[in-house]
PDB file of N, CA and C in Angstrom:
ATOM      1  N   MET A   1      77.449  99.323  84.509  1.00  0.00           N
ATOM      2  CA  MET A   1      78.723  98.561  84.111  1.00  0.00           C
ATOM      3  C   MET A   1      79.393  99.277  82.764  1.00  0.00           C
ATOM      4  N   ILE A   2      80.548  99.532  82.918  1.00  0.00           N
ATOM      5  CA  ILE A   2      81.450 100.123  81.907  1.00  0.00           C
ATOM      6  C   ILE A   2      81.889  99.091  80.844  1.00  0.00           C
ATOM      7  N   THR A   3      81.589  99.517  79.581  1.00  0.00           N
ATOM      8  CA  THR A   3      82.054  98.617  78.446  1.00  0.00           C
ATOM      9  C   THR A   3      83.413  98.914  78.027  1.00  0.00           C
ATOM     10  N   SER A   4      84.295  97.818  77.777  1.00  0.00           N
ATOM     11  CA  SER A   4      85.569  97.983  77.314  1.00  0.00           C
ATOM     12  C   SER A   4      85.545  97.994  75.850  1.00  0.00           C
ATOM     13  N   PHE A   5      86.716  98.518  75.281  1.00  0.00           N
ATOM     14  CA  PHE A   5      86.694  98.510  73.791  1.00  0.00           C
ATOM     15  C   PHE A   5      87.923  97.745  73.152  1.00  0.00           C
ATOM     16  N   SER A   6      87.941  97.339  71.921  1.00  0.00           N
ATOM     17  CA  SER A   6      88.975  96.577  71.491  1.00  0.00           C
ATOM     18  C   SER A   6      89.879  97.487  70.619  1.00  0.00           C
ATOM     19  N   SER A   7      89.897  98.787  70.559  1.00  0.00           N
ATOM     20  CA  SER A   7      90.817  99.609  69.956  1.00  0.00           C
ATOM     21  C   SER A   7      90.794 100.878  70.730  1.00  0.00           C
ATOM     22  N   SER A   8      92.077 101.611  70.687  1.00  0.00           N
ATOM     23  CA  SER A   8      92.197 102.731  71.551  1.00  0.00           C
ATOM     24  C   SER A   8      91.323 103.943  71.012  1.00  0.00           C
ATOM     25  N   LEU A   9      91.159 103.997  69.776  1.00  0.00           N
ATOM     26  CA  LEU A   9      90.336 105.031  68.977  1.00  0.00           C
ATOM     27  C   LEU A   9      88.979 104.435  68.401  1.00  0.00           C
ATOM     28  N   ASP A  10      87.953 105.140  68.374  1.00  0.00           N
ATOM     29  CA  ASP A  10      86.720 104.664  67.713  1.00  0.00           C
ATOM     30  C   ASP A  10      87.083 104.832  66.363  1.00  0.00           C
ATOM     31  N   PRO A  11      86.964 103.764  65.420  1.00  0.00           N
ATOM     32  CA  PRO A  11      87.234 103.866  63.984  1.00  0.00           C
ATOM     33  C   PRO A  11      86.215 104.606  63.305  1.00  0.00           C
ATOM     34  N   LYS A  12      84.939 104.796  63.897  1.00  0.00           N
ATOM     35  CA  LYS A  12      83.957 105.510  63.220  1.00  0.00           C
ATOM     36  C   LYS A  12      83.940 106.934  63.391  1.00  0.00           C
ATOM     37  N   VAL A  13      84.680 107.304  64.371  1.00  0.00           N
ATOM     38  CA  VAL A  13      84.641 108.767  64.830  1.00  0.00           C
ATOM     39  C   VAL A  13      85.829 109.537  64.152  1.00  0.00           C
ATOM     40  N   LYS A  14      85.613 110.609  63.480  1.00  0.00           N
ATOM     41  CA  LYS A  14      86.798 111.473  62.847  1.00  0.00           C
ATOM     42  C   LYS A  14      86.983 112.711  63.604  1.00  0.00           C
ATOM     43  N   LEU A  15      87.886 112.891  64.551  1.00  0.00           N
ATOM     44  CA  LEU A  15      87.990 114.155  65.128  1.00  0.00           C
ATOM     45  C   LEU A  15      88.489 115.379  64.430  1.00  0.00           C
ATOM     46  N   LYS A  16      87.706 116.345  64.595  1.00  0.00           N
ATOM     47  CA  LYS A  16      88.020 117.697  63.848  1.00  0.00           C
ATOM     48  C   LYS A  16      88.237 118.791  64.941  1.00  0.00           C
ATOM     49  N   ALA A  17      88.764 119.793  64.568  1.00  0.00           N
ATOM     50  CA  ALA A  17      89.155 120.966  65.433  1.00  0.00           C
ATOM     51  C   ALA A  17      87.891 121.703  66.046  1.00  0.00           C
ATOM     52  N   LYS A  18      87.073 122.034  65.105  1.00  0.00           N
ATOM     53  CA  LYS A  18      85.817 122.970  65.503  1.00  0.00           C
ATOM     54  C   LYS A  18      84.560 122.439  65.457  1.00  0.00           C
ATOM     55  N   GLU A  19      84.260 121.224  65.360  1.00  0.00           N
ATOM     56  CA  GLU A  19      82.943 120.658  65.266  1.00  0.00           C
ATOM     57  C   GLU A  19      82.424 119.946  66.453  1.00  0.00           C
ATOM     58  N   GLY A  20      82.050 120.732  67.602  1.00  0.00           N
ATOM     59  CA  GLY A  20      81.512 120.413  68.737  1.00  0.00           C
ATOM     60  C   GLY A  20      81.456 121.455  69.823  1.00  0.00           C
ATOM     61  N   THR A  21      80.920 121.092  70.916  1.00  0.00           N
ATOM     62  CA  THR A  21      80.760 122.043  72.032  1.00  0.00           C
ATOM     63  C   THR A  21      82.144 122.235  72.728  1.00  0.00           C
ATOM     64  N   PRO A  22      82.629 123.611  72.902  1.00  0.00           N
ATOM     65  CA  PRO A  22      83.721 123.670  73.567  1.00  0.00           C
ATOM     66  C   PRO A  22      83.679 123.237  75.133  1.00  0.00           C
ATOM     67  N   LEU A  23      84.671 122.728  75.645  1.00  0.00           N
ATOM     68  CA  LEU A  23      84.691 122.348  77.041  1.00  0.00           C
ATOM     69  C   LEU A  23      84.715 123.511  78.079  1.00  0.00           C
ATOM     70  N   SER A  24      83.892 123.499  79.027  1.00  0.00           N
ATOM     71  CA  SER A  24      83.885 124.605  80.148  1.00  0.00           C
ATOM     72  C   SER A  24      85.222 124.617  80.828  1.00  0.00           C
ATOM     73  N   ASP A  25      85.814 123.402  81.140  1.00  0.00           N
ATOM     74  CA  ASP A  25      87.176 123.476  81.697  1.00  0.00           C
ATOM     75  C   ASP A  25      88.087 122.709  80.914  1.00  0.00           C
ATOM     76  N   PRO A  26      88.898 123.175  80.049  1.00  0.00           N
ATOM     77  CA  PRO A  26      89.839 122.419  79.199  1.00  0.00           C
ATOM     78  C   PRO A  26      91.011 121.932  79.799  1.00  0.00           C
ATOM     79  N   THR A  27      91.269 122.409  81.147  1.00  0.00           N
ATOM     80  CA  THR A  27      92.414 121.822  81.986  1.00  0.00           C
ATOM     81  C   THR A  27      92.170 120.355  82.201  1.00  0.00           C
ATOM     82  N   PHE A  28      90.999 119.798  82.432  1.00  0.00           N
ATOM     83  CA  PHE A  28      90.800 118.496  82.580  1.00  0.00           C
ATOM     84  C   PHE A  28      91.248 117.515  81.546  1.00  0.00           C
ATOM     85  N   TYR A  29      90.854 118.071  80.251  1.00  0.00           N
ATOM     86  CA  TYR A  29      91.287 117.332  79.183  1.00  0.00           C
ATOM     87  C   TYR A  29      92.790 117.459  78.960  1.00  0.00           C
ATOM     88  N   THR A  30      93.479 118.481  79.162  1.00  0.00           N
ATOM     89  CA  THR A  30      94.922 118.502  78.946  1.00  0.00           C
ATOM     90  C   THR A  30      95.576 117.685  80.057  1.00  0.00           C
ATOM     91  N   GLN A  31      95.064 117.662  81.202  1.00  0.00           N
ATOM     92  CA  GLN A  31      95.570 116.639  82.111  1.00  0.00           C
ATOM     93  C   GLN A  31      95.512 115.221  81.887  1.00  0.00           C
ATOM     94  N   LEU A  32      94.312 114.944  81.471  1.00  0.00           N
ATOM     95  CA  LEU A  32      94.002 113.604  81.043  1.00  0.00           C
ATOM     96  C   LEU A  32      94.937 113.079  79.904  1.00  0.00           C
ATOM     97  N   VAL A  33      94.993 113.797  78.870  1.00  0.00           N
ATOM     98  CA  VAL A  33      95.856 113.401  77.949  1.00  0.00           C
ATOM     99  C   VAL A  33      97.288 113.371  78.132  1.00  0.00           C
ATOM    100  N   GLY A  34      97.820 114.379  79.157  1.00  0.00           N
ATOM    101  CA  GLY A  34      99.033 114.261  79.611  1.00  0.00           C
ATOM    102  C   GLY A  34      99.363 113.030  80.360  1.00  0.00           C
ATOM    103  N   LYS A  35      98.475 112.571  81.200  1.00  0.00           N
ATOM    104  CA  LYS A  35      98.534 111.370  81.894  1.00  0.00           C
ATOM    105  C   LYS A  35      98.560 110.054  80.892  1.00  0.00           C
ATOM    106  N   LEU A  36      97.719 110.094  80.044  1.00  0.00           N
ATOM    107  CA  LEU A  36      97.845 109.020  78.903  1.00  0.00           C
ATOM    108  C   LEU A  36      99.126 109.074  78.191  1.00  0.00           C
ATOM    109  N   ASN A  37      99.571 110.222  77.973  1.00  0.00           N
ATOM    110  CA  ASN A  37     100.996 110.305  77.230  1.00  0.00           C
ATOM    111  C   ASN A  37     102.012 109.613  78.026  1.00  0.00           C
ATOM    112  N   ILE A  38     102.052 109.955  79.348  1.00  0.00           N
ATOM    113  CA  ILE A  38     103.126 109.143  80.319  1.00  0.00           C
ATOM    114  C   ILE A  38     102.830 107.729  80.211  1.00  0.00           C
ATOM    115  N   LEU A  39     101.683 107.118  80.131  1.00  0.00           N
ATOM    116  CA  LEU A  39     101.368 105.902  80.128  1.00  0.00           C
ATOM    117  C   LEU A  39     101.751 105.034  78.769  1.00  0.00           C
ATOM    118  N   THR A  40     101.976 105.979  77.754  1.00  0.00           N
ATOM    119  CA  THR A  40     102.525 105.453  76.497  1.00  0.00           C
ATOM    120  C   THR A  40     103.880 104.749  76.612  1.00  0.00           C
ATOM    121  N   ASN A  41     104.663 105.081  77.702  1.00  0.00           N
ATOM    122  CA  ASN A  41     105.865 104.602  77.825  1.00  0.00           C
ATOM    123  C   ASN A  41     105.805 102.925  78.162  1.00  0.00           C
ATOM    124  N   THR A  42     104.774 102.513  78.699  1.00  0.00           N
ATOM    125  CA  THR A  42     104.576 101.015  78.839  1.00  0.00           C
ATOM    126  C   THR A  42     103.367 100.478  78.006  1.00  0.00           C
ATOM    127  N   ARG A  43     102.395 101.344  77.533  1.00  0.00           N
ATOM    128  CA  ARG A  43     101.411 100.911  76.807  1.00  0.00           C
ATOM    129  C   ARG A  43     101.523 101.402  75.319  1.00  0.00           C
ATOM    130  N   LEU A  44     102.386 100.831  74.506  1.00  0.00           N
ATOM    131  CA  LEU A  44     102.566 101.505  73.085  1.00  0.00           C
ATOM    132  C   LEU A  44     101.244 101.194  72.250  1.00  0.00           C
ATOM    133  N   ASP A  45     100.289 100.616  72.681  1.00  0.00           N
ATOM    134  CA  ASP A  45      99.201 100.353  72.004  1.00  0.00           C
ATOM    135  C   ASP A  45      98.281 101.607  71.915  1.00  0.00           C
ATOM    136  N   ILE A  46      98.428 102.515  72.751  1.00  0.00           N
ATOM    137  CA  ILE A  46      97.648 103.723  72.899  1.00  0.00           C
ATOM    138  C   ILE A  46      98.382 104.807  72.261  1.00  0.00           C
ATOM    139  N   ALA A  47      99.565 104.640  71.858  1.00  0.00           N
ATOM    140  CA  ALA A  47     100.414 105.796  71.483  1.00  0.00           C
ATOM    141  C   ALA A  47      99.952 106.660  70.354  1.00  0.00           C
ATOM    142  N   TYR A  48      99.138 105.892  69.328  1.00  0.00           N
ATOM    143  CA  TYR A  48      98.647 106.644  68.201  1.00  0.00           C
ATOM    144  C   TYR A  48      97.362 107.484  68.776  1.00  0.00           C
ATOM    145  N   GLY A  49      96.597 106.969  69.533  1.00  0.00           N
ATOM    146  CA  GLY A  49      95.459 107.553  69.923  1.00  0.00           C
ATOM    147  C   GLY A  49      95.744 108.853  70.870  1.00  0.00           C
ATOM    148  N   VAL A  50      96.766 108.698  71.562  1.00  0.00           N
ATOM    149  CA  VAL A  50      97.314 109.883  72.406  1.00  0.00           C
ATOM    150  C   VAL A  50      97.847 110.920  71.655  1.00  0.00           C
ATOM    151  N   GLU A  51      98.576 110.445  70.575  1.00  0.00           N
ATOM    152  CA  GLU A  51      99.249 111.474  69.760  1.00  0.00           C
ATOM    153  C   GLU A  51      98.156 112.236  68.939  1.00  0.00           C
ATOM    154  N   HIS A  52      97.176 111.598  68.613  1.00  0.00           N
ATOM    155  CA  HIS A  52      95.992 112.132  67.833  1.00  0.00           C
ATOM    156  C   HIS A  52      95.184 113.114  68.647  1.00  0.00           C
ATOM    157  N   SER A  53      94.976 112.700  70.047  1.00  0.00           N
ATOM    158  CA  SER A  53      94.280 113.503  70.995  1.00  0.00           C
ATOM    159  C   SER A  53      95.196 114.790  71.351  1.00  0.00           C
ATOM    160  N   SER A  54      96.486 114.634  71.342  1.00  0.00           N
ATOM    161  CA  SER A  54      97.389 115.786  71.622  1.00  0.00           C
ATOM    162  C   SER A  54      97.227 117.035  70.600  1.00  0.00           C
ATOM    163  N   GLN A  55      96.884 116.588  69.459  1.00  0.00           N
ATOM    164  CA  GLN A  55      96.690 117.788  68.498  1.00  0.00           C
ATOM    165  C   GLN A  55      95.597 118.728  68.874  1.00  0.00           C
ATOM    166  N   TYR A  56      94.767 118.239  69.770  1.00  0.00           N
ATOM    167  CA  TYR A  56      93.704 119.271  70.171  1.00  0.00           C
ATOM    168  C   TYR A  56      93.725 119.830  71.436  1.00  0.00           C
ATOM    169  N   MET A  57      95.064 119.910  72.036  1.00  0.00           N
ATOM    170  CA  MET A  57      95.116 120.542  73.355  1.00  0.00           C
ATOM    171  C   MET A  57      94.864 122.005  73.570  1.00  0.00           C
ATOM    172  N   GLN A  58      95.029 122.788  72.467  1.00  0.00           N
ATOM    173  CA  GLN A  58      94.914 124.199  72.568  1.00  0.00           C
ATOM    174  C   GLN A  58      93.430 124.670  72.676  1.00  0.00           C
ATOM    175  N   ASP A  59      92.590 123.866  72.130  1.00  0.00           N
ATOM    176  CA  ASP A  59      91.033 124.190  72.094  1.00  0.00           C
ATOM    177  C   ASP A  59      90.304 122.954  72.023  1.00  0.00           C
ATOM    178  N   PRO A  60      90.176 122.088  73.169  1.00  0.00           N
ATOM    179  CA  PRO A  60      89.447 120.889  73.101  1.00  0.00           C
ATOM    180  C   PRO A  60      88.068 121.036  73.100  1.00  0.00           C
ATOM    181  N   ILE A  61      87.338 120.138  72.336  1.00  0.00           N
ATOM    182  CA  ILE A  61      85.873 120.172  72.410  1.00  0.00           C
ATOM    183  C   ILE A  61      85.240 118.837  72.857  1.00  0.00           C
ATOM    184  N   GLU A  62      83.968 118.779  72.996  1.00  0.00           N
ATOM    185  CA  GLU A  62      83.336 117.541  73.598  1.00  0.00           C
ATOM    186  C   GLU A  62      83.841 116.265  73.045  1.00  0.00           C
ATOM    187  N   PRO A  63      83.701 116.108  71.546  1.00  0.00           N
ATOM    188  CA  PRO A  63      84.119 114.935  70.993  1.00  0.00           C
ATOM    189  C   PRO A  63      85.603 114.453  71.301  1.00  0.00           C
ATOM    190  N   HIS A  64      86.537 115.427  71.583  1.00  0.00           N
ATOM    191  CA  HIS A  64      87.993 115.090  71.765  1.00  0.00           C
ATOM    192  C   HIS A  64      87.834 114.532  73.182  1.00  0.00           C
ATOM    193  N   LEU A  65      87.096 115.089  74.277  1.00  0.00           N
ATOM    194  CA  LEU A  65      86.918 114.399  75.576  1.00  0.00           C
ATOM    195  C   LEU A  65      86.460 112.994  75.500  1.00  0.00           C
ATOM    196  N   GLN A  66      85.514 112.895  74.650  1.00  0.00           N
ATOM    197  CA  GLN A  66      84.755 111.445  74.588  1.00  0.00           C
ATOM    198  C   GLN A  66      85.864 110.443  73.950  1.00  0.00           C
ATOM    199  N   ALA A  67      86.837 110.861  73.078  1.00  0.00           N
ATOM    200  CA  ALA A  67      87.802 110.022  72.486  1.00  0.00           C
ATOM    201  C   ALA A  67      88.712 109.620  73.601  1.00  0.00           C
ATOM    202  N   ALA A  68      89.002 110.609  74.438  1.00  0.00           N
ATOM    203  CA  ALA A  68      89.963 110.259  75.586  1.00  0.00           C
ATOM    204  C   ALA A  68      89.351 109.350  76.611  1.00  0.00           C
ATOM    205  N   TYR A  69      87.922 109.466  76.847  1.00  0.00           N
ATOM    206  CA  TYR A  69      87.264 108.476  77.539  1.00  0.00           C
ATOM    207  C   TYR A  69      87.230 107.168  77.010  1.00  0.00           C
ATOM    208  N   HIS A  70      87.184 107.027  75.694  1.00  0.00           N
ATOM    209  CA  HIS A  70      87.096 105.902  74.990  1.00  0.00           C
ATOM    210  C   HIS A  70      88.542 105.068  75.264  1.00  0.00           C
ATOM    211  N   MET A  71      89.726 105.885  75.167  1.00  0.00           N
ATOM    212  CA  MET A  71      90.783 105.300  75.443  1.00  0.00           C
ATOM    213  C   MET A  71      90.961 104.703  76.852  1.00  0.00           C
ATOM    214  N   LEU A  72      90.473 105.326  77.848  1.00  0.00           N
ATOM    215  CA  LEU A  72      90.354 104.928  79.261  1.00  0.00           C
ATOM    216  C   LEU A  72      89.585 103.500  79.333  1.00  0.00           C
ATOM    217  N   ARG A  73      88.430 103.529  78.568  1.00  0.00           N
ATOM    218  CA  ARG A  73      87.713 102.389  78.527  1.00  0.00           C
ATOM    219  C   ARG A  73      88.393 101.121  77.818  1.00  0.00           C
ATOM    220  N   TYR A  74      89.174 101.504  76.808  1.00  0.00           N
ATOM    221  CA  TYR A  74      89.968 100.585  76.229  1.00  0.00           C
ATOM    222  C   TYR A  74      91.041  99.955  77.075  1.00  0.00           C
ATOM    223  N   LEU A  75      91.544 100.785  77.923  1.00  0.00           N
ATOM    224  CA  LEU A  75      92.720 100.307  78.967  1.00  0.00           C
ATOM    225  C   LEU A  75      92.026  99.308  79.823  1.00  0.00           C
ATOM    226  N   LEU A  76      90.786  99.345  80.237  1.00  0.00           N
ATOM    227  CA  LEU A  76      90.045  98.538  81.078  1.00  0.00           C
ATOM    228  C   LEU A  76      90.100  97.083  80.576  1.00  0.00           C
ATOM    229  N   LYS A  77      90.254  96.967  79.250  1.00  0.00           N
ATOM    230  CA  LYS A  77      90.136  95.524  78.649  1.00  0.00           C
ATOM    231  C   LYS A  77      91.217  94.666  79.241  1.00  0.00           C
ATOM    232  N   ASP A  78      92.391  95.192  79.305  1.00  0.00           N
ATOM    233  CA  ASP A  78      93.458  94.327  79.777  1.00  0.00           C
ATOM    234  C   ASP A  78      94.415  95.259  80.705  1.00  0.00           C
ATOM    235  N   PRO A  79      94.167  95.563  81.924  1.00  0.00           N
ATOM    236  CA  PRO A  79      94.993  96.565  82.591  1.00  0.00           C
ATOM    237  C   PRO A  79      96.461  95.993  82.843  1.00  0.00           C
ATOM    238  N   THR A  80      96.612  94.726  82.737  1.00  0.00           N
ATOM    239  CA  THR A  80      98.098  94.107  82.945  1.00  0.00           C
ATOM    240  C   THR A  80      98.897  94.075  81.678  1.00  0.00           C
ATOM    241  N   LEU A  81      98.302  94.424  80.421  1.00  0.00           N
ATOM    242  CA  LEU A  81      99.003  94.332  79.306  1.00  0.00           C
ATOM    243  C   LEU A  81     100.149  95.495  79.332  1.00  0.00           C
ATOM    244  N   GLY A  82     101.296  95.150  78.903  1.00  0.00           N
ATOM    245  CA  GLY A  82     102.424  96.109  79.077  1.00  0.00           C
ATOM    246  C   GLY A  82     103.532  95.699  78.107  1.00  0.00           C
ATOM    247  N   LEU A  83     104.747  96.080  78.281  1.00  0.00           N
ATOM    248  CA  LEU A  83     105.901  95.762  77.487  1.00  0.00           C
ATOM    249  C   LEU A  83     106.370  94.426  77.913  1.00  0.00           C
ATOM    250  N   PHE A  84     107.027  93.658  76.970  1.00  0.00           N
ATOM    251  CA  PHE A  84     107.781  92.458  77.291  1.00  0.00           C
ATOM    252  C   PHE A  84     109.332  92.792  76.929  1.00  0.00           C
ATOM    253  N   MET A  85     110.092  92.805  77.911  1.00  0.00           N
ATOM    254  CA  MET A  85     111.619  93.130  77.653  1.00  0.00           C
ATOM    255  C   MET A  85     112.193  91.707  77.743  1.00  0.00           C
ATOM    256  N   SER A  86     113.057  91.534  76.573  1.00  0.00           N
ATOM    257  CA  SER A  86     113.763  90.395  76.321  1.00  0.00           C
ATOM    258  C   SER A  86     115.060  90.330  77.265  1.00  0.00           C
ATOM    259  N   ASN A  87     115.337  89.210  77.775  1.00  0.00           N
ATOM    260  CA  ASN A  87     116.677  89.197  78.485  1.00  0.00           C
ATOM    261  C   ASN A  87     117.695  88.644  77.623  1.00  0.00           C
ATOM    262  N   ASP A  88     117.654  88.714  76.318  1.00  0.00           N
ATOM    263  CA  ASP A  88     118.790  88.344  75.469  1.00  0.00           C
ATOM    264  C   ASP A  88     119.867  89.261  75.597  1.00  0.00           C
ATOM    265  N   ALA A  89     121.197  88.896  75.346  1.00  0.00           N
ATOM    266  CA  ALA A  89     122.379  89.620  75.550  1.00  0.00           C
ATOM    267  C   ALA A  89     122.551  90.614  74.368  1.00  0.00           C
ATOM    268  N   ASP A  90     121.826  90.368  73.211  1.00  0.00           N
ATOM    269  CA  ASP A  90     121.962  91.153  71.972  1.00  0.00           C
ATOM    270  C   ASP A  90     121.645  92.505  72.277  1.00  0.00           C
ATOM    271  N   PHE A  91     122.456  93.548  72.058  1.00  0.00           N
ATOM    272  CA  PHE A  91     122.178  94.992  72.187  1.00  0.00           C
ATOM    273  C   PHE A  91     122.034  95.674  70.787  1.00  0.00           C
ATOM    274  N   SER A  92     121.462  95.071  69.835  1.00  0.00           N
ATOM    275  CA  SER A  92     121.310  95.680  68.577  1.00  0.00           C
ATOM    276  C   SER A  92     120.315  96.793  68.566  1.00  0.00           C
ATOM    277  N   VAL A  93     120.342  97.797  67.937  1.00  0.00           N
ATOM    278  CA  VAL A  93     119.375  98.830  67.945  1.00  0.00           C
ATOM    279  C   VAL A  93     118.685  99.023  66.595  1.00  0.00           C
ATOM    280  N   GLN A  94     117.318  99.015  66.501  1.00  0.00           N
ATOM    281  CA  GLN A  94     116.759  99.064  65.308  1.00  0.00           C
ATOM    282  C   GLN A  94     115.656 100.212  65.401  1.00  0.00           C
ATOM    283  N   ALA A  95     115.515 101.013  64.323  1.00  0.00           N
ATOM    284  CA  ALA A  95     114.485 102.078  64.422  1.00  0.00           C
ATOM    285  C   ALA A  95     113.591 102.112  63.215  1.00  0.00           C
ATOM    286  N   TYR A  96     112.346 102.292  63.290  1.00  0.00           N
ATOM    287  CA  TYR A  96     111.385 102.510  62.174  1.00  0.00           C
ATOM    288  C   TYR A  96     110.588 103.557  62.442  1.00  0.00           C
ATOM    289  N   CYS A  97     110.184 104.202  61.251  1.00  0.00           N
ATOM    290  CA  CYS A  97     109.279 105.379  61.299  1.00  0.00           C
ATOM    291  C   CYS A  97     108.428 105.332  60.150  1.00  0.00           C
ATOM    292  N   ASP A  98     107.149 105.964  60.261  1.00  0.00           N
ATOM    293  CA  ASP A  98     106.241 106.075  59.137  1.00  0.00           C
ATOM    294  C   ASP A  98     105.476 107.375  59.263  1.00  0.00           C
ATOM    295  N   SER A  99     105.060 107.770  58.103  1.00  0.00           N
ATOM    296  CA  SER A  99     104.276 109.029  58.206  1.00  0.00           C
ATOM    297  C   SER A  99     103.113 108.985  57.353  1.00  0.00           C
ATOM    298  N   ASP A 100     102.085 109.685  57.607  1.00  0.00           N
ATOM    299  CA  ASP A 100     100.833 109.847  56.745  1.00  0.00           C
ATOM    300  C   ASP A 100     100.649 111.123  56.204  1.00  0.00           C
ATOM    301  N   TRP A 101     100.949 111.273  54.969  1.00  0.00           N
ATOM    302  CA  TRP A 101     100.994 112.725  54.364  1.00  0.00           C
ATOM    303  C   TRP A 101      99.590 113.342  54.336  1.00  0.00           C
ATOM    304  N   ALA A 102      99.468 114.390  54.935  1.00  0.00           N
ATOM    305  CA  ALA A 102      98.297 115.169  54.974  1.00  0.00           C
ATOM    306  C   ALA A 102      97.048 114.461  55.645  1.00  0.00           C
ATOM    307  N   ALA A 103      97.495 113.743  56.762  1.00  0.00           N
ATOM    308  CA  ALA A 103      96.484 113.027  57.384  1.00  0.00           C
ATOM    309  C   ALA A 103      95.481 113.816  58.339  1.00  0.00           C
ATOM    310  N   CYS A 104      95.897 114.979  58.819  1.00  0.00           N
ATOM    311  CA  CYS A 104      95.159 115.771  59.624  1.00  0.00           C
ATOM    312  C   CYS A 104      93.998 116.422  58.896  1.00  0.00           C
ATOM    313  N   HIS A 105      92.763 116.165  59.219  1.00  0.00           N
ATOM    314  CA  HIS A 105      91.578 116.615  58.446  1.00  0.00           C
ATOM    315  C   HIS A 105      91.480 118.001  58.463  1.00  0.00           C
ATOM    316  N   ASP A 106      91.930 118.850  59.468  1.00  0.00           N
ATOM    317  CA  ASP A 106      91.807 120.160  59.520  1.00  0.00           C
ATOM    318  C   ASP A 106      92.920 121.083  58.970  1.00  0.00           C
ATOM    319  N   SER A 107      94.106 120.512  59.294  1.00  0.00           N
ATOM    320  CA  SER A 107      95.445 121.478  58.732  1.00  0.00           C
ATOM    321  C   SER A 107      96.010 120.826  57.502  1.00  0.00           C
ATOM    322  N   ARG A 108      95.698 119.548  57.340  1.00  0.00           N
ATOM    323  CA  ARG A 108      96.168 118.949  56.243  1.00  0.00           C
ATOM    324  C   ARG A 108      97.861 118.613  56.443  1.00  0.00           C
ATOM    325  N   LYS A 109      98.251 118.731  57.787  1.00  0.00           N
ATOM    326  CA  LYS A 109      99.563 118.367  58.041  1.00  0.00           C
ATOM    327  C   LYS A 109      99.793 116.878  58.129  1.00  0.00           C
ATOM    328  N   SER A 110     101.010 116.499  58.049  1.00  0.00           N
ATOM    329  CA  SER A 110     101.331 115.135  58.076  1.00  0.00           C
ATOM    330  C   SER A 110     101.435 114.655  59.479  1.00  0.00           C
ATOM    331  N   VAL A 111     101.119 113.347  59.747  1.00  0.00           N
ATOM    332  CA  VAL A 111     101.140 112.795  61.010  1.00  0.00           C
ATOM    333  C   VAL A 111     102.121 111.635  60.894  1.00  0.00           C
ATOM    334  N   SER A 112     103.142 111.538  61.789  1.00  0.00           N
ATOM    335  CA  SER A 112     104.211 110.495  61.783  1.00  0.00           C
ATOM    336  C   SER A 112     104.423 109.789  63.196  1.00  0.00           C
ATOM    337  N   GLY A 113     105.043 108.807  63.192  1.00  0.00           N
ATOM    338  CA  GLY A 113     105.328 107.952  64.308  1.00  0.00           C
ATOM    339  C   GLY A 113     106.576 107.184  64.102  1.00  0.00           C
ATOM    340  N   TYR A 114     107.012 106.625  65.300  1.00  0.00           N
ATOM    341  CA  TYR A 114     108.310 105.937  65.148  1.00  0.00           C
ATOM    342  C   TYR A 114     108.384 105.003  66.281  1.00  0.00           C
ATOM    343  N   ILE A 115     109.173 103.909  66.132  1.00  0.00           N
ATOM    344  CA  ILE A 115     109.539 102.983  67.298  1.00  0.00           C
ATOM    345  C   ILE A 115     110.884 102.705  67.362  1.00  0.00           C
ATOM    346  N   VAL A 116     111.622 102.616  68.358  1.00  0.00           N
ATOM    347  CA  VAL A 116     113.076 102.287  68.500  1.00  0.00           C
ATOM    348  C   VAL A 116     113.034 100.945  69.285  1.00  0.00           C
ATOM    349  N   LEU A 117     113.769 100.013  68.805  1.00  0.00           N
ATOM    350  CA  LEU A 117     113.849  98.578  69.352  1.00  0.00           C
ATOM    351  C   LEU A 117     115.410  98.380  69.878  1.00  0.00           C
ATOM    352  N   LEU A 118     115.471  98.004  71.168  1.00  0.00           N
ATOM    353  CA  LEU A 118     116.848  97.441  71.729  1.00  0.00           C
ATOM    354  C   LEU A 118     116.623  95.924  71.684  1.00  0.00           C
ATOM    355  N   ASP A 119     117.452  95.268  70.890  1.00  0.00           N
ATOM    356  CA  ASP A 119     117.280  93.888  70.644  1.00  0.00           C
ATOM    357  C   ASP A 119     115.795  93.842  69.925  1.00  0.00           C
ATOM    358  N   ASN A 120     114.866  93.041  70.713  1.00  0.00           N
ATOM    359  CA  ASN A 120     113.543  92.989  70.162  1.00  0.00           C
ATOM    360  C   ASN A 120     112.600  93.714  71.003  1.00  0.00           C
ATOM    361  N   SER A 121     112.968  94.585  71.963  1.00  0.00           N
ATOM    362  CA  SER A 121     111.997  95.247  73.008  1.00  0.00           C
ATOM    363  C   SER A 121     112.061  96.772  72.666  1.00  0.00           C
ATOM    364  N   PRO A 122     110.790  97.264  72.556  1.00  0.00           N
ATOM    365  CA  PRO A 122     110.565  98.598  72.267  1.00  0.00           C
ATOM    366  C   PRO A 122     111.078  99.543  73.358  1.00  0.00           C
ATOM    367  N   ILE A 123     111.686 100.611  72.973  1.00  0.00           N
ATOM    368  CA  ILE A 123     112.151 101.615  74.060  1.00  0.00           C
ATOM    369  C   ILE A 123     111.823 102.929  73.524  1.00  0.00           C
ATOM    370  N   ARG A 124     111.890 104.017  74.441  1.00  0.00           N
ATOM    371  CA  ARG A 124     111.352 105.437  73.956  1.00  0.00           C
ATOM    372  C   ARG A 124     112.707 106.185  74.172  1.00  0.00           C
TER     373      ARG A 124
END
């Protein structure tokens, strides 16, 4: 039996660039993260986890793959969860962004995110 999780990333695991066994076939990881990235169009709840996993596409290691598997198990929790699009005739656009200065443990680069709303519905 596969266990589902309540968050897209394990809060106890801190991913780093070089601490782990390199993957024998990194194309599987890149394809998996690419498919998860497409899924963020309808499942915004995994967007942060996918963005975080995408930082390691050049040289993935075993903990990165385990984090991607964690996201898949998280998606099992409620596969019907998706976006709710309002049918209101208001077409106002709102945009919000946020950044975390020096959030990456390896490069100390900033990590940022954004959301754009049409009326009260998220769009990309």
